[in-house]
Amino acid sequence: GVQGKVFVAFTVKSSGQVADATVKRGVRADLDAEALRMVRAMPNWKPAQSGGKAEDAQMTLPIAFQLQ
């Protein structure tokens, strides 16, 4: 069994779209690729706001895998 967390960093644009996804810390090439695929396939997020105006925001998301 393979297990571990893949950390994916990305930008949530002011429009809510996910962009510039990269693996910051990976486990294995196939798991890293799957984590990137999942992040890129996510629906739009609610964008960050500053002073009532939508802004780009950097996010890092840990994705845990546990394969048997």
C-alpha atoms as a PDB file:
ATOM      1  CA  GLY A   1       0.000   0.000   0.000  1.00  0.00           C
ATOM      2  CA  VAL A   2       1.121   3.478  -0.856  1.00  0.00           C
ATOM      3  CA  GLN A   3       0.141   6.418   1.269  1.00  0.00           C
ATOM      4  CA  GLY A   4       1.111  10.024   1.766  1.00  0.00           C
ATOM      5  CA  LYS A   5       0.109  13.635   1.203  1.00  0.00           C
ATOM      6  CA  VAL A   6       0.691  15.570  -1.992  1.00  0.00           C
ATOM      7  CA  PHE A   7       0.817  19.329  -1.457  1.00  0.00           C
ATOM      8  CA  VAL A   8      -0.494  21.294  -4.439  1.00  0.00           C
ATOM      9  CA  ALA A   9      -0.078  25.075  -4.636  1.00  0.00           C
ATOM     10  CA  PHE A  10      -2.337  27.103  -6.915  1.00  0.00           C
ATOM     11  CA  THR A  11      -3.832  30.540  -7.458  1.00  0.00           C
ATOM     12  CA  VAL A  12      -7.504  31.334  -7.096  1.00  0.00           C
ATOM     13  CA  LYS A  13      -8.031  34.169  -9.562  1.00  0.00           C
ATOM     14  CA  SER A  14     -10.357  37.094  -8.863  1.00  0.00           C
ATOM     15  CA  SER A  15     -12.846  35.359 -11.210  1.00  0.00           C
ATOM     16  CA  GLY A  16     -12.738  32.248  -8.974  1.00  0.00           C
ATOM     17  CA  GLN A  17     -10.862  30.084 -11.494  1.00  0.00           C
ATOM     18  CA  VAL A  18      -8.046  27.807 -10.329  1.00  0.00           C
ATOM     19  CA  ALA A  19      -4.768  28.536 -12.145  1.00  0.00           C
ATOM     20  CA  ASP A  20      -1.040  27.763 -12.009  1.00  0.00           C
ATOM     21  CA  ALA A  21      -1.334  24.471 -10.094  1.00  0.00           C
ATOM     22  CA  THR A  22       2.027  22.933  -9.150  1.00  0.00           C
ATOM     23  CA  VAL A  23       3.139  20.137  -6.853  1.00  0.00           C
ATOM     24  CA  LYS A  24       5.112  21.565  -3.918  1.00  0.00           C
ATOM     25  CA  ARG A  25       5.760  18.240  -2.200  1.00  0.00           C
ATOM     26  CA  GLY A  26       4.950  14.954  -3.838  1.00  0.00           C
ATOM     27  CA  VAL A  27       4.776  11.269  -2.990  1.00  0.00           C
ATOM     28  CA  ARG A  28       5.133   9.439  -6.287  1.00  0.00           C
ATOM     29  CA  ALA A  29       4.822  10.553  -9.929  1.00  0.00           C
ATOM     30  CA  ASP A  30       1.426   8.906 -10.517  1.00  0.00           C
ATOM     31  CA  LEU A  31      -0.068  10.283  -7.291  1.00  0.00           C
ATOM     32  CA  ASP A  32       1.357  13.739  -7.994  1.00  0.00           C
ATOM     33  CA  ALA A  33      -0.241  13.705 -11.467  1.00  0.00           C
ATOM     34  CA  GLU A  34      -3.603  12.626 -10.028  1.00  0.00           C
ATOM     35  CA  ALA A  35      -3.501  15.384  -7.396  1.00  0.00           C
ATOM     36  CA  LEU A  36      -2.822  17.978 -10.127  1.00  0.00           C
ATOM     37  CA  ARG A  37      -5.659  16.568 -12.232  1.00  0.00           C
ATOM     38  CA  MET A  38      -8.051  16.834  -9.281  1.00  0.00           C
ATOM     39  CA  VAL A  39      -7.101  20.429  -8.495  1.00  0.00           C
ATOM     40  CA  ARG A  40      -7.366  21.522 -12.135  1.00  0.00           C
ATOM     41  CA  ALA A  41     -10.817  19.884 -12.397  1.00  0.00           C
ATOM     42  CA  MET A  42     -12.245  21.674  -9.336  1.00  0.00           C
ATOM     43  CA  PRO A  43     -15.185  24.034  -9.879  1.00  0.00           C
ATOM     44  CA  ASN A  44     -14.641  27.744  -9.407  1.00  0.00           C
ATOM     45  CA  TRP A  45     -13.899  28.935  -5.880  1.00  0.00           C
ATOM     46  CA  LYS A  46     -15.280  31.981  -4.146  1.00  0.00           C
ATOM     47  CA  PRO A  47     -12.457  34.515  -4.634  1.00  0.00           C
ATOM     48  CA  ALA A  48     -10.675  36.315  -1.813  1.00  0.00           C
ATOM     49  CA  GLN A  49     -11.865  39.827  -1.057  1.00  0.00           C
ATOM     50  CA  SER A  50     -10.022  42.896   0.111  1.00  0.00           C
ATOM     51  CA  GLY A  51     -11.910  46.100   0.672  1.00  0.00           C
ATOM     52  CA  GLY A  52     -14.966  44.586  -0.993  1.00  0.00           C
ATOM     53  CA  LYS A  53     -13.049  43.852  -4.202  1.00  0.00           C
ATOM     54  CA  ALA A  54     -12.183  40.360  -5.468  1.00  0.00           C
ATOM     55  CA  GLU A  55      -8.451  39.565  -5.592  1.00  0.00           C
ATOM     56  CA  ASP A  56      -6.152  36.719  -6.614  1.00  0.00           C
ATOM     57  CA  ALA A  57      -5.063  34.491  -3.714  1.00  0.00           C
ATOM     58  CA  GLN A  58      -2.414  31.775  -3.323  1.00  0.00           C
ATOM     59  CA  MET A  59      -3.533  28.485  -1.804  1.00  0.00           C
ATOM     60  CA  THR A  60      -1.812  25.243  -0.811  1.00  0.00           C
ATOM     61  CA  LEU A  61      -3.977  22.157  -0.561  1.00  0.00           C
ATOM     62  CA  PRO A  62      -2.825  18.877   1.009  1.00  0.00           C
ATOM     63  CA  ILE A  63      -4.349  15.844  -0.712  1.00  0.00           C
ATOM     64  CA  ALA A  64      -4.038  12.580   1.231  1.00  0.00           C
ATOM     65  CA  PHE A  65      -3.744   9.250  -0.565  1.00  0.00           C
ATOM     66  CA  GLN A  66      -4.063   5.812   0.989  1.00  0.00           C
ATOM     67  CA  LEU A  67      -3.963   2.968  -1.534  1.00  0.00           C
ATOM     68  CA  GLN A  68      -4.287  -0.648  -0.570  1.00  0.00           C
END
